[in-house]
Protein backbone atom coordinates (compact mmCIF):
# COMPACT_ATOMS: atom_id res chain seq x y z
CA MET A 1 3.72 -7.46 22.12
CA LEU A 2 5.46 -10.32 20.31
CA GLN A 3 2.12 -11.81 19.28
CA LYS A 4 1.06 -8.47 17.81
CA VAL A 5 4.25 -8.25 15.77
CA ASN A 6 3.78 -11.81 14.54
CA TRP A 7 0.30 -11.28 13.17
CA VAL A 8 1.08 -7.84 11.79
CA ASP A 9 4.05 -9.22 9.86
CA ASP A 10 1.84 -12.06 8.59
CA LEU A 11 -0.78 -9.51 7.50
CA LYS A 12 1.81 -7.37 5.71
CA ALA A 13 3.19 -10.43 3.93
CA ILE A 14 -0.29 -11.37 2.72
CA GLY A 15 -0.80 -7.79 1.61
CA ILE A 16 2.39 -7.54 -0.43
CA VAL A 17 1.78 -10.86 -2.19
CA ALA A 18 -1.72 -9.57 -3.00
CA VAL A 19 -0.20 -6.41 -4.50
CA ILE A 20 2.20 -8.43 -6.65
CA LEU A 21 -0.58 -10.76 -7.74
CA GLY A 22 -2.89 -7.85 -8.52
CA HIS A 23 -0.34 -6.26 -10.86
CA ILE A 24 0.23 -9.52 -12.75
CA ALA A 25 -3.28 -9.44 -14.22
CA SER A 26 -4.45 -12.63 -12.58
CA PRO A 27 -8.10 -13.74 -12.40
CA LEU A 28 -8.04 -12.60 -8.77
CA GLY A 29 -7.25 -9.00 -9.69
CA ALA A 30 -10.71 -7.51 -9.11
CA PHE A 31 -11.01 -9.20 -5.71
CA ILE A 32 -7.52 -8.10 -4.63
CA TYR A 33 -8.08 -4.50 -5.70
CA SER A 34 -11.25 -4.36 -3.60
CA TRP A 35 -9.25 -4.41 -0.35
CA HIS A 36 -5.45 -4.51 -0.77
CA MET A 37 -4.68 -0.77 -0.60
CA PRO A 38 -7.09 -0.14 2.31
CA LEU A 39 -5.18 -2.94 4.08
CA PHE A 40 -1.87 -1.09 3.88
CA PHE A 41 -3.36 2.21 5.00
CA ILE A 42 -5.00 0.47 7.97
CA ILE A 43 -1.69 -1.16 8.89
CA ALA A 44 -0.06 2.28 8.63
CA GLY A 45 -2.32 3.42 11.44
CA PHE A 46 -1.27 0.61 13.78
CA PHE A 47 2.04 2.09 14.85
CA LEU A 48 1.38 5.83 14.88
CA ARG A 49 3.49 7.15 17.75
CA PHE A 50 1.52 10.02 19.21
CA GLU A 51 4.05 10.52 22.00
CA LEU A 52 6.59 11.94 19.53
CA THR A 53 6.95 15.65 18.94
CA ALA A 54 5.68 16.87 15.58
CA ARG A 55 9.25 17.64 14.49
CA VAL A 56 10.53 14.14 15.28
CA PHE A 57 7.45 12.51 13.73
CA ILE A 58 7.85 14.46 10.47
CA PHE A 59 11.59 13.76 10.31
CA LYS A 60 11.19 10.02 10.85
CA ASP A 61 8.33 9.64 8.37
CA PHE A 62 10.05 11.83 5.76
CA GLN A 63 13.17 9.69 6.01
CA ARG A 64 11.18 6.44 5.87
CA LEU A 65 8.70 7.41 3.13
CA MET A 66 9.73 10.45 1.11
CA ILE A 67 13.44 9.77 0.66
CA PRO A 68 12.69 6.34 -0.88
CA TYR A 69 9.99 8.02 -2.96
CA PHE A 70 12.40 10.51 -4.55
CA ILE A 71 15.22 7.97 -4.99
CA PHE A 72 13.09 5.32 -6.66
CA ALA A 73 10.95 7.77 -8.64
CA ILE A 74 14.08 9.14 -10.32
CA ALA A 75 15.41 5.60 -10.75
CA GLY A 76 12.08 4.50 -12.27
CA LEU A 77 12.18 7.36 -14.75
CA GLY A 78 15.79 6.51 -15.64
CA VAL A 79 14.98 2.85 -16.26
CA GLU A 80 12.02 3.82 -18.44
CA MET A 81 14.23 6.19 -20.45
CA LEU A 82 16.80 3.43 -21.07
CA LYS A 83 14.09 0.94 -22.03
CA ARG A 84 12.57 3.34 -24.55
CA VAL A 85 15.97 4.02 -26.12
CA ALA A 86 16.81 0.30 -26.29
CA LEU A 87 13.44 -0.59 -27.84
CA GLN A 88 13.42 2.53 -30.06
CA ARG A 89 10.14 3.74 -28.62
CA GLU A 90 8.82 7.28 -28.50
CA ASN A 91 10.46 9.48 -25.87
CA LEU A 92 8.51 10.70 -22.88
CA ASP A 93 7.71 14.34 -22.17
CA TYR A 94 10.37 14.60 -19.47
CA ILE A 95 9.21 17.99 -18.19
CA HIS A 96 5.80 16.43 -17.57
CA GLU A 97 7.37 13.40 -15.88
CA LEU A 98 9.53 15.55 -13.58
CA GLN A 99 6.51 17.66 -12.66
CA GLY A 100 4.74 14.43 -11.82
CA ILE A 101 7.57 13.28 -9.57
CA PHE A 102 8.22 16.54 -7.73
CA ILE A 103 4.83 18.30 -7.78
CA TRP A 104 1.83 16.03 -8.36
CA MET A 105 3.12 12.69 -7.03
CA ASP A 106 -0.09 10.89 -7.98
CA ILE A 107 -0.64 7.87 -10.20
CA PRO A 108 -1.92 9.77 -13.28
CA SER A 109 1.38 11.68 -13.24
CA LEU A 110 3.59 8.65 -12.53
CA ILE A 111 1.84 6.05 -14.68
CA ASN A 112 4.27 6.27 -17.63
CA THR A 113 7.26 4.91 -15.67
CA TYR A 114 8.19 2.25 -13.14
CA ALA A 115 7.44 4.86 -10.47
CA PHE A 116 3.69 4.35 -10.86
CA VAL A 117 3.32 2.48 -7.54
CA LEU A 118 5.11 5.22 -5.62
CA TRP A 119 2.00 7.41 -5.27
CA PHE A 120 1.44 5.38 -2.13
CA LEU A 121 4.46 6.89 -0.31
CA PRO A 122 3.60 10.64 -0.33
CA THR A 123 -0.04 9.69 0.22
CA LEU A 124 0.97 7.74 3.31
CA PHE A 125 3.34 10.45 4.51
CA PHE A 126 0.71 13.20 4.48
CA GLY A 127 -2.11 10.89 5.55
CA ARG A 128 -0.22 9.76 8.67
CA LEU A 129 0.80 13.35 9.40
CA LEU A 130 -2.82 14.53 9.24
CA ILE A 131 -3.96 11.84 11.69
CA PHE A 132 -1.00 12.54 13.97
CA LEU A 133 -1.71 16.29 14.11
CA LEU A 134 -5.45 15.74 14.49
CA SER A 135 -4.96 13.36 17.42
CA ARG A 136 -2.53 15.74 19.09
CA GLN A 137 -4.93 18.68 18.85
CA ILE A 138 -8.30 16.98 19.50
CA LYS A 139 -8.71 14.40 22.27
CA SER A 140 -12.25 13.25 21.51
CA LEU A 141 -12.22 10.15 19.28
CA PHE A 142 -15.74 10.91 18.12
CA LEU A 143 -14.80 14.43 17.01
CA GLN A 144 -11.66 13.07 15.35
CA PHE A 145 -13.83 10.59 13.45
CA ILE A 146 -16.21 13.33 12.26
CA ILE A 147 -13.30 15.42 10.95
CA VAL A 148 -11.70 12.41 9.27
CA VAL A 149 -14.96 11.53 7.52
CA PHE A 150 -15.20 15.15 6.34
CA LEU A 151 -11.63 15.01 4.96
CA PHE A 152 -12.44 11.72 3.24
CA ILE A 153 -15.50 13.25 1.54
CA VAL A 154 -13.59 16.37 0.50
CA SER A 155 -10.92 14.23 -1.17
CA PHE A 156 -13.35 13.29 -3.96
CA PHE A 157 -13.86 16.92 -4.97
CA VAL A 158 -10.27 18.21 -5.11
CA ASN A 159 -7.13 17.52 -7.12
CA LEU A 160 -4.13 18.72 -5.12
CA PRO A 161 -0.35 18.59 -5.61
CA PHE A 162 1.91 16.29 -3.57
CA ALA A 163 -0.81 13.58 -3.72
CA PHE A 164 -2.52 15.50 -0.93
CA ASP A 165 -6.01 14.65 -2.17
CA ASN A 166 -5.05 10.97 -2.02
CA ALA A 167 -3.75 11.60 1.49
CA LEU A 168 -7.14 13.03 2.48
CA ASN A 169 -8.74 9.92 0.99
CA SER A 170 -6.44 7.66 3.03
CA THR A 171 -7.08 9.32 6.41
CA LEU A 172 -10.21 7.31 7.20
CA PHE A 173 -8.35 4.01 6.78
CA ILE A 174 -5.32 5.19 8.76
CA PHE A 175 -7.58 6.48 11.54
CA ILE A 176 -9.54 3.21 11.73
CA GLY A 177 -6.27 1.27 11.89
CA SER A 178 -4.95 3.45 14.69
CA VAL A 179 -8.13 3.24 16.78
CA PHE A 180 -8.52 -0.49 16.23
CA PHE A 181 -4.93 -1.29 17.20
CA ARG A 182 -5.07 0.81 20.35
CA PHE A 183 -8.52 -0.01 21.70
CA TYR A 184 -10.56 -2.68 19.92
CA GLN A 185 -8.39 -5.66 18.99
CA GLU A 186 -10.26 -8.21 21.08
CA GLN A 187 -13.84 -7.35 20.14
CA LYS A 188 -15.99 -10.47 19.76
CA ALA A 189 -18.23 -8.53 17.36
CA LEU A 190 -15.59 -9.09 14.65
CA TYR A 191 -16.83 -12.67 14.29
CA ILE A 192 -19.94 -11.41 12.48
CA LEU A 193 -17.84 -10.02 9.62
CA PRO A 194 -17.83 -13.18 7.44
CA PHE A 195 -21.64 -13.08 7.44
CA ILE A 196 -21.54 -9.41 6.45
CA LEU A 197 -19.26 -10.30 3.53
CA VAL A 198 -21.65 -13.00 2.33
CA GLY A 199 -24.57 -10.57 2.60
CA LEU A 200 -22.76 -7.90 0.59
CA LEU A 201 -21.81 -10.44 -2.06
CA ILE A 202 -25.40 -11.64 -2.40
CA PHE A 203 -27.07 -8.22 -2.54
CA PHE A 204 -24.44 -5.99 -4.16
CA GLY A 205 -21.79 -8.25 -5.65
CA MET A 206 -18.09 -7.59 -5.17
CA PRO A 207 -17.54 -3.81 -5.37
CA SER A 208 -14.74 -2.52 -7.59
CA LEU A 209 -12.20 -0.16 -6.05
CA ASP A 210 -9.30 1.87 -7.42
CA MET A 211 -7.96 3.88 -4.48
CA ALA A 212 -5.11 5.36 -6.51
CA ASN A 213 -7.66 7.18 -8.66
CA LYS A 214 -10.26 7.57 -5.86
CA MET A 215 -12.75 5.48 -7.82
CA TYR A 216 -15.22 3.71 -5.51
CA GLU A 217 -18.12 1.80 -7.05
CA ASN A 218 -20.22 2.43 -3.94
CA VAL A 219 -18.40 4.22 -1.12
CA ILE A 220 -20.37 2.66 1.74
CA VAL A 221 -20.32 -0.85 0.29
CA ASN A 222 -16.64 -0.47 -0.61
CA MET A 223 -15.76 0.58 2.92
CA VAL A 224 -17.74 -2.18 4.63
CA TRP A 225 -16.43 -4.79 2.18
CA ALA A 226 -12.75 -3.78 2.58
CA PHE A 227 -12.97 -3.45 6.38
CA SER A 228 -14.71 -6.82 6.67
CA ILE A 229 -12.10 -8.68 4.61
CA ILE A 230 -9.21 -7.02 6.42
CA PHE A 231 -10.53 -7.65 9.91
CA VAL A 232 -11.44 -11.24 9.04
CA LEU A 233 -7.81 -11.72 8.00
CA ILE A 234 -6.63 -10.14 11.24
CA THR A 235 -8.90 -12.35 13.34
CA ILE A 236 -7.70 -15.50 11.57
CA LEU A 237 -4.02 -14.59 11.82
CA LYS A 238 -4.28 -13.74 15.52
CA LYS A 239 -5.91 -17.09 16.20
CA LEU A 240 -3.33 -19.02 14.20
CA ASN A 241 -0.37 -17.08 15.65
CA PHE A 242 1.57 -18.42 12.67
CA LYS A 243 5.36 -18.19 13.01
CA SER A 244 7.61 -18.43 9.97
CA LYS A 245 10.97 -16.77 9.38
CA LEU A 246 10.25 -16.48 5.66
CA VAL A 247 6.84 -14.84 6.21
CA ALA A 248 8.35 -12.55 8.86
CA LEU A 249 11.09 -11.56 6.40
CA TRP A 250 8.56 -10.62 3.75
CA GLY A 251 6.36 -8.85 6.27
CA ALA A 252 9.29 -6.80 7.57
CA ASN A 253 10.35 -5.72 4.06
CA THR A 254 7.07 -4.75 2.41
CA MET A 255 8.39 -1.28 1.53
CA LEU A 256 11.25 -2.70 -0.54
CA LEU A 257 9.07 -5.39 -2.10
CA PHE A 258 6.37 -2.83 -2.96
CA ILE A 259 8.90 -0.58 -4.73
CA ILE A 260 10.76 -3.32 -6.60
CA HIS A 261 7.90 -5.60 -7.68
CA PRO A 262 7.03 -3.66 -10.90
CA TYR A 263 10.51 -4.53 -12.17
CA THR A 264 10.35 -8.21 -11.18
CA ASN A 265 6.81 -8.50 -12.54
CA ASN A 266 7.99 -7.09 -15.86
CA ILE A 267 11.00 -9.41 -16.00
CA ALA A 268 8.79 -12.38 -15.14
CA ASP A 269 6.30 -11.38 -17.83
CA ILE A 270 9.03 -11.11 -20.49
CA ILE A 271 10.54 -14.48 -19.58
CA VAL A 272 7.21 -16.32 -19.47
CA GLU A 273 5.95 -14.73 -22.70
CA ASN A 274 9.20 -15.58 -24.52
CA PHE A 275 8.65 -19.22 -23.66
CA TYR A 276 5.14 -18.93 -25.16
CA PHE A 277 3.39 -19.50 -21.85
CA GLN A 278 0.45 -17.39 -20.75
CA GLU A 279 -0.14 -18.72 -17.25
CA TRP A 280 -0.28 -15.94 -14.69
CA TYR A 281 0.81 -18.23 -11.87
CA LEU A 282 4.18 -18.83 -13.59
CA LYS A 283 4.71 -15.07 -13.71
CA LEU A 284 3.78 -14.82 -10.06
CA PHE A 285 6.16 -17.62 -9.05
CA LEU A 286 9.05 -16.12 -11.00
CA SER A 287 8.42 -12.61 -9.66
CA LEU A 288 8.30 -13.92 -6.08
CA LEU A 289 11.53 -15.83 -6.70
CA LEU A 290 13.26 -12.70 -8.00
CA LEU A 291 12.02 -10.69 -5.03
CA GLN A 292 13.38 -13.31 -2.66
CA GLY A 293 16.73 -12.77 -4.36
CA VAL A 294 16.43 -9.03 -3.69
CA LEU A 295 15.80 -9.76 -0.01
CA PHE A 296 18.87 -12.02 0.03
CA ILE A 297 20.98 -9.18 -1.38
CA LYS A 298 19.56 -6.79 1.22
CA GLN A 299 20.57 -9.16 4.01
CA ILE A 300 24.12 -9.27 2.64
CA PHE A 301 24.40 -5.48 2.63
CA ASP A 302 22.78 -5.31 6.09
CA GLY A 303 21.19 -1.87 5.82
CA ARG A 304 24.00 -0.17 3.92
CA GLY A 305 23.61 2.07 0.91
CA ILE A 306 20.12 2.29 -0.53
CA PHE A 307 18.96 -0.53 1.73
CA LYS A 308 19.10 1.70 4.82
CA TYR A 309 16.01 3.50 3.49
CA VAL A 310 13.87 0.46 2.60
């Protein structure tokens, strides 16, 4: 079990650095976007606890995902309001923004504030719940897979409140993560994945993906590409069994880092631009340094206050 935790934390740490890097507008952005959100939904399927009652499962996930969503969505709106006043910019339509936070919860509705990344939390809450309920009601993995594929397809044709259409879109990744972690971790067939990646790159090029807006360049190619990269990473990390307290710290705090990084990215961008530098890697370094400071503060408070939720 310890080995599993090690490589999962390593994978989460890689994922969160990829998210930060992707939002800094680096040359690697297109590559990162092609797999980084599928990675987190797959990881979300690893630790689905099907032995829990539905009531306990909902309570735990609501506390872990939705409470931080509401807290930081309101905080993100507040920070944006203060910034616009300080810079004498046009005010937001606050009725629209509040509807976005409490009703739609998707990125088109959250994009105007620092809450834009938070679409992931309600999506993950409902996506995990759907897979949990499906697995409790239907025992056949094959039938579960057919239903999940159907929900995935439906997601492209609906626009639902509470980011529920995004949740439908996420179910296939969460399901694959759950099945892989429970049954197929040691499959030798995974070693063919690097060759699949090379083949896709030669014949199709790197497919663009924007999961937040459900925009897939080619759904099949996107899925194979993302799964291949993710499972190549998993295979490498399991072989290396890399142990680092710093990496483990970042891997264990991806929720907090995910929520806070828009602020540190923005601060890093302002500082670097004011010194007349344009290099993206300086922005990345500074943002990572600021986030490490946030983790240091969290360790001091030891789970008290807001830190007990993230």
